[in-house]
């Protein structure tokens, strides 16, 4: 099993995923990468090898989006809050699933 890590400020990925050799889409500001190097990994391989990290990245992206919405209003819209709750619940489910498998 490949070990992955969260990489901050990924350079623009114009190559291929080192795990599946498919072309990589343009990289966001954060993403998954191999621990032994800086090679970014595609989202499909990330879901296959490190589901908790992918769920954590999704939660961070939604939280960032809700935070920018909240700057302009008293409270974020209900849809944004539900997206945040859904992402948090997915992260909690994935990490609990992993701990159940280990135990």
PDB file of N, CA and C in Angstrom:
ATOM      1  N   UNK A   1       0.834  -1.176   0.000  1.00  0.00           N
ATOM      2  CA  UNK A   1       0.000   0.000   0.000  1.00  0.00           C
ATOM      3  C   UNK A   1       0.882   1.244   0.000  1.00  0.00           C
ATOM      4  N   UNK A   2       0.514   2.200  -0.806  1.00  0.00           N
ATOM      5  CA  UNK A   2       1.262   3.444  -0.912  1.00  0.00           C
ATOM      6  C   UNK A   2       0.943   4.360   0.262  1.00  0.00           C
ATOM      7  N   UNK A   3       1.950   5.073   0.729  1.00  0.00           N
ATOM      8  CA  UNK A   3       1.753   6.047   1.804  1.00  0.00           C
ATOM      9  C   UNK A   3       1.622   7.413   1.183  1.00  0.00           C
ATOM     10  N   UNK A   4       0.554   8.110   1.549  1.00  0.00           N
ATOM     11  CA  UNK A   4       0.280   9.426   0.995  1.00  0.00           C
ATOM     12  C   UNK A   4       0.264  10.469   2.095  1.00  0.00           C
ATOM     13  N   UNK A   5       0.497  11.715   1.710  1.00  0.00           N
ATOM     14  CA  UNK A   5       0.468  12.832   2.630  1.00  0.00           C
ATOM     15  C   UNK A   5      -0.249  14.003   1.975  1.00  0.00           C
ATOM     16  N   UNK A   6      -0.651  14.972   2.775  1.00  0.00           N
ATOM     17  CA  UNK A   6      -1.264  16.173   2.238  1.00  0.00           C
ATOM     18  C   UNK A   6      -0.154  17.140   1.873  1.00  0.00           C
ATOM     19  N   UNK A   7      -0.185  17.597   0.636  1.00  0.00           N
ATOM     20  CA  UNK A   7       0.809  18.553   0.177  1.00  0.00           C
ATOM     21  C   UNK A   7       0.193  19.932   0.036  1.00  0.00           C
ATOM     22  N   UNK A   8       0.791  20.932   0.644  1.00  0.00           N
ATOM     23  CA  UNK A   8       0.311  22.303   0.549  1.00  0.00           C
ATOM     24  C   UNK A   8       0.989  23.014  -0.613  1.00  0.00           C
ATOM     25  N   UNK A   9       0.233  23.877  -1.259  1.00  0.00           N
ATOM     26  CA  UNK A   9       0.746  24.675  -2.377  1.00  0.00           C
ATOM     27  C   UNK A   9       1.415  23.803  -3.430  1.00  0.00           C
ATOM     28  N   UNK A  10       0.659  22.844  -3.918  1.00  0.00           N
ATOM     29  CA  UNK A  10       1.152  21.970  -4.980  1.00  0.00           C
ATOM     30  C   UNK A  10       1.542  22.788  -6.203  1.00  0.00           C
ATOM     31  N   UNK A  11       2.629  22.441  -6.835  1.00  0.00           N
ATOM     32  CA  UNK A  11       2.900  23.074  -8.126  1.00  0.00           C
ATOM     33  C   UNK A  11       1.877  22.592  -9.150  1.00  0.00           C
ATOM     34  N   UNK A  12       1.726  23.333 -10.192  1.00  0.00           N
ATOM     35  CA  UNK A  12       0.772  22.927 -11.232  1.00  0.00           C
ATOM     36  C   UNK A  12       1.177  21.558 -11.763  1.00  0.00           C
ATOM     37  N   UNK A  13       0.270  20.619 -11.638  1.00  0.00           N
ATOM     38  CA  UNK A  13       0.558  19.257 -12.064  1.00  0.00           C
ATOM     39  C   UNK A  13       0.216  19.109 -13.536  1.00  0.00           C
ATOM     40  N   UNK A  14       1.219  18.856 -14.333  1.00  0.00           N
ATOM     41  CA  UNK A  14       0.960  18.660 -15.755  1.00  0.00           C
ATOM     42  C   UNK A  14       1.402  17.278 -16.206  1.00  0.00           C
ATOM     43  N   UNK A  15       1.724  16.418 -15.233  1.00  0.00           N
ATOM     44  CA  UNK A  15       2.187  15.079 -15.569  1.00  0.00           C
ATOM     45  C   UNK A  15       1.103  14.041 -15.378  1.00  0.00           C
ATOM     46  N   UNK A  16       1.533  12.885 -14.968  1.00  0.00           N
ATOM     47  CA  UNK A  16       0.608  11.784 -14.733  1.00  0.00           C
ATOM     48  C   UNK A  16       0.704  11.344 -13.282  1.00  0.00           C
ATOM     49  N   UNK A  17      -0.325  10.661 -12.833  1.00  0.00           N
ATOM     50  CA  UNK A  17      -0.345  10.123 -11.478  1.00  0.00           C
ATOM     51  C   UNK A  17       0.693   9.000 -11.400  1.00  0.00           C
ATOM     52  N   UNK A  18       1.551   9.000 -10.375  1.00  0.00           N
ATOM     53  CA  UNK A  18       2.564   7.944 -10.281  1.00  0.00           C
ATOM     54  C   UNK A  18       1.991   6.567  -9.945  1.00  0.00           C
ATOM     55  N   UNK A  19       0.742   6.507  -9.470  1.00  0.00           N
ATOM     56  CA  UNK A  19       0.160   5.229  -9.091  1.00  0.00           C
ATOM     57  C   UNK A  19      -0.617   4.562 -10.216  1.00  0.00           C
ATOM     58  N   UNK A  20      -1.297   5.368 -11.059  1.00  0.00           N
ATOM     59  CA  UNK A  20      -2.137   4.764 -12.099  1.00  0.00           C
ATOM     60  C   UNK A  20      -1.768   5.243 -13.511  1.00  0.00           C
ATOM     61  N   UNK A  21      -0.852   6.145 -13.656  1.00  0.00           N
ATOM     62  CA  UNK A  21      -0.367   6.671 -14.941  1.00  0.00           C
ATOM     63  C   UNK A  21      -1.437   7.379 -15.760  1.00  0.00           C
ATOM     64  N   UNK A  22      -2.510   7.846 -15.111  1.00  0.00           N
ATOM     65  CA  UNK A  22      -3.500   8.670 -15.812  1.00  0.00           C
ATOM     66  C   UNK A  22      -3.083  10.132 -15.707  1.00  0.00           C
ATOM     67  N   UNK A  23      -3.481  10.967 -16.674  1.00  0.00           N
ATOM     68  CA  UNK A  23      -3.116  12.384 -16.588  1.00  0.00           C
ATOM     69  C   UNK A  23      -3.779  13.056 -15.388  1.00  0.00           C
ATOM     70  N   UNK A  24      -3.032  13.962 -14.773  1.00  0.00           N
ATOM     71  CA  UNK A  24      -3.546  14.690 -13.617  1.00  0.00           C
ATOM     72  C   UNK A  24      -4.257  15.957 -14.061  1.00  0.00           C
ATOM     73  N   UNK A  25      -5.385  16.268 -13.433  1.00  0.00           N
ATOM     74  CA  UNK A  25      -6.043  17.547 -13.718  1.00  0.00           C
ATOM     75  C   UNK A  25      -5.249  18.674 -13.064  1.00  0.00           C
ATOM     76  N   UNK A  26      -5.567  19.920 -13.367  1.00  0.00           N
ATOM     77  CA  UNK A  26      -4.876  21.023 -12.694  1.00  0.00           C
ATOM     78  C   UNK A  26      -5.036  20.902 -11.182  1.00  0.00           C
ATOM     79  N   UNK A  27      -3.945  21.089 -10.471  1.00  0.00           N
ATOM     80  CA  UNK A  27      -3.941  20.866  -9.025  1.00  0.00           C
ATOM     81  C   UNK A  27      -4.495  22.070  -8.271  1.00  0.00           C
ATOM     82  N   UNK A  28      -5.291  21.818  -7.220  1.00  0.00           N
ATOM     83  CA  UNK A  28      -5.717  22.907  -6.344  1.00  0.00           C
ATOM     84  C   UNK A  28      -4.570  23.317  -5.427  1.00  0.00           C
ATOM     85  N   UNK A  29      -4.818  24.194  -4.481  1.00  0.00           N
ATOM     86  CA  UNK A  29      -3.746  24.632  -3.599  1.00  0.00           C
ATOM     87  C   UNK A  29      -3.301  23.559  -2.612  1.00  0.00           C
ATOM     88  N   UNK A  30      -4.145  22.578  -2.340  1.00  0.00           N
ATOM     89  CA  UNK A  30      -3.759  21.438  -1.507  1.00  0.00           C
ATOM     90  C   UNK A  30      -4.179  20.160  -2.206  1.00  0.00           C
ATOM     91  N   UNK A  31      -3.463  19.106  -1.938  1.00  0.00           N
ATOM     92  CA  UNK A  31      -3.776  17.827  -2.541  1.00  0.00           C
ATOM     93  C   UNK A  31      -2.939  16.730  -1.937  1.00  0.00           C
ATOM     94  N   UNK A  32      -3.113  15.528  -2.433  1.00  0.00           N
ATOM     95  CA  UNK A  32      -2.350  14.390  -1.934  1.00  0.00           C
ATOM     96  C   UNK A  32      -1.096  14.187  -2.759  1.00  0.00           C
ATOM     97  N   UNK A  33      -0.054  13.727  -2.093  1.00  0.00           N
ATOM     98  CA  UNK A  33       1.212  13.441  -2.755  1.00  0.00           C
ATOM     99  C   UNK A  33       1.834  12.219  -2.090  1.00  0.00           C
ATOM    100  N   UNK A  34       2.749  11.592  -2.786  1.00  0.00           N
ATOM    101  CA  UNK A  34       3.492  10.474  -2.204  1.00  0.00           C
ATOM    102  C   UNK A  34       4.400  10.991  -1.092  1.00  0.00           C
ATOM    103  N   UNK A  35       4.584  10.192  -0.040  1.00  0.00           N
ATOM    104  CA  UNK A  35       5.415  10.642   1.079  1.00  0.00           C
ATOM    105  C   UNK A  35       6.897  10.653   0.732  1.00  0.00           C
ATOM    106  N   UNK A  36       7.310   9.827  -0.203  1.00  0.00           N
ATOM    107  CA  UNK A  36       8.734   9.766  -0.539  1.00  0.00           C
ATOM    108  C   UNK A  36       9.160  10.824  -1.549  1.00  0.00           C
ATOM    109  N   UNK A  37       8.256  11.637  -2.006  1.00  0.00           N
ATOM    110  CA  UNK A  37       8.592  12.676  -2.976  1.00  0.00           C
ATOM    111  C   UNK A  37       7.489  13.702  -3.057  1.00  0.00           C
ATOM    112  N   UNK A  38       7.566  14.534  -4.072  1.00  0.00           N
ATOM    113  CA  UNK A  38       6.569  15.577  -4.217  1.00  0.00           C
ATOM    114  C   UNK A  38       5.600  15.275  -5.355  1.00  0.00           C
ATOM    115  N   UNK A  39       5.573  14.045  -5.831  1.00  0.00           N
ATOM    116  CA  UNK A  39       4.704  13.684  -6.945  1.00  0.00           C
ATOM    117  C   UNK A  39       3.250  13.692  -6.500  1.00  0.00           C
ATOM    118  N   UNK A  40       2.406  14.567  -7.085  1.00  0.00           N
ATOM    119  CA  UNK A  40       0.992  14.586  -6.716  1.00  0.00           C
ATOM    120  C   UNK A  40       0.263  13.346  -7.215  1.00  0.00           C
ATOM    121  N   UNK A  41      -0.813  13.002  -6.521  1.00  0.00           N
ATOM    122  CA  UNK A  41      -1.591  11.800  -6.798  1.00  0.00           C
ATOM    123  C   UNK A  41      -3.003  12.223  -7.203  1.00  0.00           C
ATOM    124  N   UNK A  42      -3.616  11.506  -8.139  1.00  0.00           N
ATOM    125  CA  UNK A  42      -4.972  11.845  -8.584  1.00  0.00           C
ATOM    126  C   UNK A  42      -5.984  11.519  -7.483  1.00  0.00           C
ATOM    127  N   UNK A  43      -7.166  12.092  -7.599  1.00  0.00           N
ATOM    128  CA  UNK A  43      -8.206  11.920  -6.589  1.00  0.00           C
ATOM    129  C   UNK A  43      -8.674  10.471  -6.486  1.00  0.00           C
ATOM    130  N   UNK A  44      -8.760   9.771  -7.610  1.00  0.00           N
ATOM    131  CA  UNK A  44      -9.204   8.368  -7.571  1.00  0.00           C
ATOM    132  C   UNK A  44      -8.237   7.501  -6.779  1.00  0.00           C
ATOM    133  N   UNK A  45      -6.948   7.674  -7.007  1.00  0.00           N
ATOM    134  CA  UNK A  45      -5.956   6.902  -6.258  1.00  0.00           C
ATOM    135  C   UNK A  45      -5.943   7.316  -4.788  1.00  0.00           C
ATOM    136  N   UNK A  46      -6.189   8.597  -4.533  1.00  0.00           N
ATOM    137  CA  UNK A  46      -6.280   9.063  -3.159  1.00  0.00           C
ATOM    138  C   UNK A  46      -7.426   8.392  -2.425  1.00  0.00           C
ATOM    139  N   UNK A  47      -8.592   8.281  -3.077  1.00  0.00           N
ATOM    140  CA  UNK A  47      -9.737   7.611  -2.463  1.00  0.00           C
ATOM    141  C   UNK A  47      -9.462   6.128  -2.233  1.00  0.00           C
ATOM    142  N   UNK A  48      -8.692   5.546  -3.120  1.00  0.00           N
ATOM    143  CA  UNK A  48      -8.401   4.120  -3.012  1.00  0.00           C
ATOM    144  C   UNK A  48      -7.388   3.841  -1.898  1.00  0.00           C
ATOM    145  N   UNK A  49      -6.392   4.718  -1.734  1.00  0.00           N
ATOM    146  CA  UNK A  49      -5.288   4.434  -0.806  1.00  0.00           C
ATOM    147  C   UNK A  49      -5.356   5.211   0.506  1.00  0.00           C
ATOM    148  N   UNK A  50      -6.047   6.351   0.540  1.00  0.00           N
ATOM    149  CA  UNK A  50      -6.060   7.175   1.752  1.00  0.00           C
ATOM    150  C   UNK A  50      -7.385   7.921   1.876  1.00  0.00           C
ATOM    151  N   UNK A  51      -8.453   7.175   2.106  1.00  0.00           N
ATOM    152  CA  UNK A  51      -9.791   7.788   2.199  1.00  0.00           C
ATOM    153  C   UNK A  51      -9.897   8.837   3.295  1.00  0.00           C
ATOM    154  N   UNK A  52      -9.303   8.635   4.499  1.00  0.00           N
ATOM    155  CA  UNK A  52      -9.416   9.680   5.521  1.00  0.00           C
ATOM    156  C   UNK A  52      -8.764  10.998   5.099  1.00  0.00           C
ATOM    157  N   UNK A  53      -7.659  10.940   4.398  1.00  0.00           N
ATOM    158  CA  UNK A  53      -7.007  12.175   3.954  1.00  0.00           C
ATOM    159  C   UNK A  53      -7.844  12.898   2.913  1.00  0.00           C
ATOM    160  N   UNK A  54      -8.468  12.159   2.011  1.00  0.00           N
ATOM    161  CA  UNK A  54      -9.332  12.777   1.002  1.00  0.00           C
ATOM    162  C   UNK A  54     -10.529  13.422   1.684  1.00  0.00           C
ATOM    163  N   UNK A  55     -11.112  12.742   2.665  1.00  0.00           N
ATOM    164  CA  UNK A  55     -12.251  13.310   3.393  1.00  0.00           C
ATOM    165  C   UNK A  55     -11.830  14.557   4.166  1.00  0.00           C
ATOM    166  N   UNK A  56     -10.639  14.555   4.728  1.00  0.00           N
ATOM    167  CA  UNK A  56     -10.136  15.731   5.445  1.00  0.00           C
ATOM    168  C   UNK A  56      -9.922  16.904   4.493  1.00  0.00           C
ATOM    169  N   UNK A  57      -9.378  16.636   3.313  1.00  0.00           N
ATOM    170  CA  UNK A  57      -9.204  17.702   2.314  1.00  0.00           C
ATOM    171  C   UNK A  57     -10.545  18.262   1.863  1.00  0.00           C
ATOM    172  N   UNK A  58     -11.529  17.398   1.668  1.00  0.00           N
ATOM    173  CA  UNK A  58     -12.866  17.862   1.297  1.00  0.00           C
ATOM    174  C   UNK A  58     -13.465  18.738   2.395  1.00  0.00           C
ATOM    175  N   UNK A  59     -13.296  18.332   3.642  1.00  0.00           N
ATOM    176  CA  UNK A  59     -13.797  19.113   4.766  1.00  0.00           C
ATOM    177  C   UNK A  59     -13.118  20.480   4.815  1.00  0.00           C
ATOM    178  N   UNK A  60     -11.819  20.509   4.598  1.00  0.00           N
ATOM    179  CA  UNK A  60     -11.095  21.785   4.611  1.00  0.00           C
ATOM    180  C   UNK A  60     -11.549  22.702   3.478  1.00  0.00           C
ATOM    181  N   UNK A  61     -11.783  22.152   2.292  1.00  0.00           N
ATOM    182  CA  UNK A  61     -12.238  22.967   1.160  1.00  0.00           C
ATOM    183  C   UNK A  61     -13.622  23.553   1.408  1.00  0.00           C
ATOM    184  N   UNK A  62     -14.530  22.729   1.954  1.00  0.00           N
ATOM    185  CA  UNK A  62     -15.877  23.216   2.251  1.00  0.00           C
ATOM    186  C   UNK A  62     -15.819  24.273   3.355  1.00  0.00           C
ATOM    187  N   UNK A  63     -15.012  24.032   4.387  1.00  0.00           N
ATOM    188  CA  UNK A  63     -14.894  25.004   5.475  1.00  0.00           C
ATOM    189  C   UNK A  63     -14.328  26.330   4.970  1.00  0.00           C
ATOM    190  N   UNK A  64     -13.367  26.272   4.071  1.00  0.00           N
ATOM    191  CA  UNK A  64     -12.818  27.502   3.503  1.00  0.00           C
ATOM    192  C   UNK A  64     -13.889  28.253   2.712  1.00  0.00           C
ATOM    193  N   UNK A  65     -14.685  27.526   1.941  1.00  0.00           N
ATOM    194  CA  UNK A  65     -15.740  28.156   1.149  1.00  0.00           C
ATOM    195  C   UNK A  65     -16.798  28.780   2.060  1.00  0.00           C
ATOM    196  N   UNK A  66     -17.212  28.052   3.098  1.00  0.00           N
ATOM    197  CA  UNK A  66     -18.206  28.582   4.022  1.00  0.00           C
ATOM    198  C   UNK A  66     -17.643  29.786   4.774  1.00  0.00           C
ATOM    199  N   UNK A  67     -16.370  29.747   5.099  1.00  0.00           N
ATOM    200  CA  UNK A  67     -15.746  30.877   5.779  1.00  0.00           C
ATOM    201  C   UNK A  67     -15.727  32.134   4.940  1.00  0.00           C
ATOM    202  N   UNK A  68     -15.502  31.991   3.649  1.00  0.00           N
ATOM    203  CA  UNK A  68     -15.510  33.176   2.796  1.00  0.00           C
ATOM    204  C   UNK A  68     -16.929  33.695   2.593  1.00  0.00           C
ATOM    205  N   UNK A  69     -17.917  32.813   2.590  1.00  0.00           N
ATOM    206  CA  UNK A  69     -19.307  33.257   2.496  1.00  0.00           C
ATOM    207  C   UNK A  69     -19.687  34.004   3.772  1.00  0.00           C
ATOM    208  N   UNK A  70     -19.250  33.498   4.917  1.00  0.00           N
ATOM    209  CA  UNK A  70     -19.607  34.083   6.203  1.00  0.00           C
ATOM    210  C   UNK A  70     -19.047  35.475   6.422  1.00  0.00           C
ATOM    211  N   UNK A  71     -18.026  35.862   5.691  1.00  0.00           N
ATOM    212  CA  UNK A  71     -17.456  37.200   5.854  1.00  0.00           C
ATOM    213  C   UNK A  71     -18.403  38.290   5.384  1.00  0.00           C
ATOM    214  N   UNK A  72     -19.259  37.956   4.461  1.00  0.00           N
ATOM    215  CA  UNK A  72     -20.103  38.962   3.839  1.00  0.00           C
ATOM    216  C   UNK A  72     -21.514  39.010   4.409  1.00  0.00           C
ATOM    217  N   UNK A  73     -21.864  38.067   5.239  1.00  0.00           N
ATOM    218  CA  UNK A  73     -23.211  38.022   5.801  1.00  0.00           C
ATOM    219  C   UNK A  73     -23.118  37.767   7.296  1.00  0.00           C
ATOM    220  N   UNK A  74     -24.234  37.942   7.981  1.00  0.00           N
ATOM    221  CA  UNK A  74     -24.270  37.667   9.414  1.00  0.00           C
ATOM    222  C   UNK A  74     -24.080  36.174   9.667  1.00  0.00           C
ATOM    223  N   UNK A  75     -24.770  35.370   8.892  1.00  0.00           N
ATOM    224  CA  UNK A  75     -24.645  33.912   9.001  1.00  0.00           C
ATOM    225  C   UNK A  75     -24.612  33.331   7.587  1.00  0.00           C
ATOM    226  N   UNK A  76     -23.833  32.279   7.390  1.00  0.00           N
ATOM    227  CA  UNK A  76     -23.818  31.648   6.064  1.00  0.00           C
ATOM    228  C   UNK A  76     -25.184  31.077   5.718  1.00  0.00           C
ATOM    229  N   UNK A  77     -25.479  30.927   4.432  1.00  0.00           N
ATOM    230  CA  UNK A  77     -26.760  30.329   4.038  1.00  0.00           C
ATOM    231  C   UNK A  77     -26.876  28.882   4.525  1.00  0.00           C
ATOM    232  N   UNK A  78     -28.107  28.440   4.692  1.00  0.00           N
ATOM    233  CA  UNK A  78     -28.364  27.093   5.205  1.00  0.00           C
ATOM    234  C   UNK A  78     -27.721  26.030   4.317  1.00  0.00           C
ATOM    235  N   UNK A  79     -27.737  26.219   3.005  1.00  0.00           N
ATOM    236  CA  UNK A  79     -27.141  25.242   2.094  1.00  0.00           C
ATOM    237  C   UNK A  79     -25.645  25.078   2.362  1.00  0.00           C
ATOM    238  N   UNK A  80     -24.950  26.181   2.619  1.00  0.00           N
ATOM    239  CA  UNK A  80     -23.517  26.111   2.916  1.00  0.00           C
ATOM    240  C   UNK A  80     -23.274  25.402   4.238  1.00  0.00           C
ATOM    241  N   UNK A  81     -24.108  25.674   5.234  1.00  0.00           N
ATOM    242  CA  UNK A  81     -23.961  24.993   6.521  1.00  0.00           C
ATOM    243  C   UNK A  81     -24.235  23.500   6.403  1.00  0.00           C
ATOM    244  N   UNK A  82     -25.213  23.140   5.571  1.00  0.00           N
ATOM    245  CA  UNK A  82     -25.489  21.716   5.349  1.00  0.00           C
ATOM    246  C   UNK A  82     -24.337  21.033   4.614  1.00  0.00           C
ATOM    247  N   UNK A  83     -23.720  21.727   3.664  1.00  0.00           N
ATOM    248  CA  UNK A  83     -22.536  21.177   2.987  1.00  0.00           C
ATOM    249  C   UNK A  83     -21.417  20.926   3.981  1.00  0.00           C
ATOM    250  N   UNK A  84     -21.220  21.872   4.899  1.00  0.00           N
ATOM    251  CA  UNK A  84     -20.186  21.724   5.913  1.00  0.00           C
ATOM    252  C   UNK A  84     -20.503  20.544   6.841  1.00  0.00           C
ATOM    253  N   UNK A  85     -21.750  20.426   7.248  1.00  0.00           N
ATOM    254  CA  UNK A  85     -22.141  19.305   8.113  1.00  0.00           C
ATOM    255  C   UNK A  85     -21.965  17.970   7.390  1.00  0.00           C
ATOM    256  N   UNK A  86     -22.307  17.938   6.105  1.00  0.00           N
ATOM    257  CA  UNK A  86     -22.161  16.710   5.322  1.00  0.00           C
ATOM    258  C   UNK A  86     -20.694  16.305   5.203  1.00  0.00           C
ATOM    259  N   UNK A  87     -19.821  17.274   4.955  1.00  0.00           N
ATOM    260  CA  UNK A  87     -18.392  16.979   4.839  1.00  0.00           C
ATOM    261  C   UNK A  87     -17.828  16.511   6.180  1.00  0.00           C
ATOM    262  N   UNK A  88     -18.251  17.137   7.271  1.00  0.00           N
ATOM    263  CA  UNK A  88     -17.782  16.723   8.593  1.00  0.00           C
ATOM    264  C   UNK A  88     -18.273  15.318   8.940  1.00  0.00           C
ATOM    265  N   UNK A  89     -19.518  15.034   8.605  1.00  0.00           N
ATOM    266  CA  UNK A  89     -20.059  13.701   8.862  1.00  0.00           C
ATOM    267  C   UNK A  89     -19.339  12.635   8.035  1.00  0.00           C
ATOM    268  N   UNK A  90     -19.036  12.952   6.785  1.00  0.00           N
ATOM    269  CA  UNK A  90     -18.304  12.010   5.933  1.00  0.00           C
ATOM    270  C   UNK A  90     -16.914  11.741   6.503  1.00  0.00           C
ATOM    271  N   UNK A  91     -16.226  12.784   6.960  1.00  0.00           N
ATOM    272  CA  UNK A  91     -14.904  12.604   7.558  1.00  0.00           C
ATOM    273  C   UNK A  91     -14.995  11.733   8.809  1.00  0.00           C
ATOM    274  N   UNK A  92     -15.982  11.995   9.665  1.00  0.00           N
ATOM    275  CA  UNK A  92     -16.142  11.200  10.887  1.00  0.00           C
ATOM    276  C   UNK A  92     -16.448   9.745  10.547  1.00  0.00           C
ATOM    277  N   UNK A  93     -17.277   9.512   9.546  1.00  0.00           N
ATOM    278  CA  UNK A  93     -17.617   8.154   9.137  1.00  0.00           C
ATOM    279  C   UNK A  93     -16.388   7.410   8.622  1.00  0.00           C
ATOM    280  N   UNK A  94     -15.593   8.076   7.785  1.00  0.00           N
ATOM    281  CA  UNK A  94     -14.417   7.422   7.203  1.00  0.00           C
ATOM    282  C   UNK A  94     -13.388   7.094   8.275  1.00  0.00           C
ATOM    283  N   UNK A  95     -13.153   8.006   9.217  1.00  0.00           N
ATOM    284  CA  UNK A  95     -12.165   7.723  10.258  1.00  0.00           C
ATOM    285  C   UNK A  95     -12.670   6.644  11.212  1.00  0.00           C
ATOM    286  N   UNK A  96     -13.982   6.635  11.492  1.00  0.00           N
ATOM    287  CA  UNK A  96     -14.533   5.582  12.355  1.00  0.00           C
ATOM    288  C   UNK A  96     -14.475   4.232  11.651  1.00  0.00           C
ATOM    289  N   UNK A  97     -14.707   4.225  10.341  1.00  0.00           N
ATOM    290  CA  UNK A  97     -14.631   2.984   9.570  1.00  0.00           C
ATOM    291  C   UNK A  97     -13.229   2.411   9.622  1.00  0.00           C
ATOM    292  N   UNK A  98     -12.256   3.277   9.529  1.00  0.00           N
ATOM    293  CA  UNK A  98     -10.855   2.827   9.577  1.00  0.00           C
ATOM    294  C   UNK A  98     -10.521   2.249  10.944  1.00  0.00           C
ATOM    295  N   UNK A  99     -10.983   2.898  12.028  1.00  0.00           N
ATOM    296  CA  UNK A  99     -10.681   2.387  13.357  1.00  0.00           C
ATOM    297  C   UNK A  99     -11.397   1.064  13.622  1.00  0.00           C
ATOM    298  N   UNK A 100     -12.584   0.874  13.032  1.00  0.00           N
ATOM    299  CA  UNK A 100     -13.274  -0.408  13.180  1.00  0.00           C
ATOM    300  C   UNK A 100     -12.500  -1.526  12.510  1.00  0.00           C
ATOM    301  N   UNK A 101     -11.885  -1.218  11.347  1.00  0.00           N
ATOM    302  CA  UNK A 101     -11.116  -2.244  10.627  1.00  0.00           C
ATOM    303  C   UNK A 101      -9.858  -2.608  11.386  1.00  0.00           C
ATOM    304  N   UNK A 102      -9.218  -1.635  12.047  1.00  0.00           N
ATOM    305  CA  UNK A 102      -7.977  -1.878  12.756  1.00  0.00           C
ATOM    306  C   UNK A 102      -8.238  -2.699  14.020  1.00  0.00           C
ATOM    307  N   UNK A 103      -9.337  -2.438  14.700  1.00  0.00           N
ATOM    308  CA  UNK A 103      -9.642  -3.124  15.968  1.00  0.00           C
ATOM    309  C   UNK A 103     -10.038  -4.558  15.767  1.00  0.00           C
TER     310      UNK A 103
END
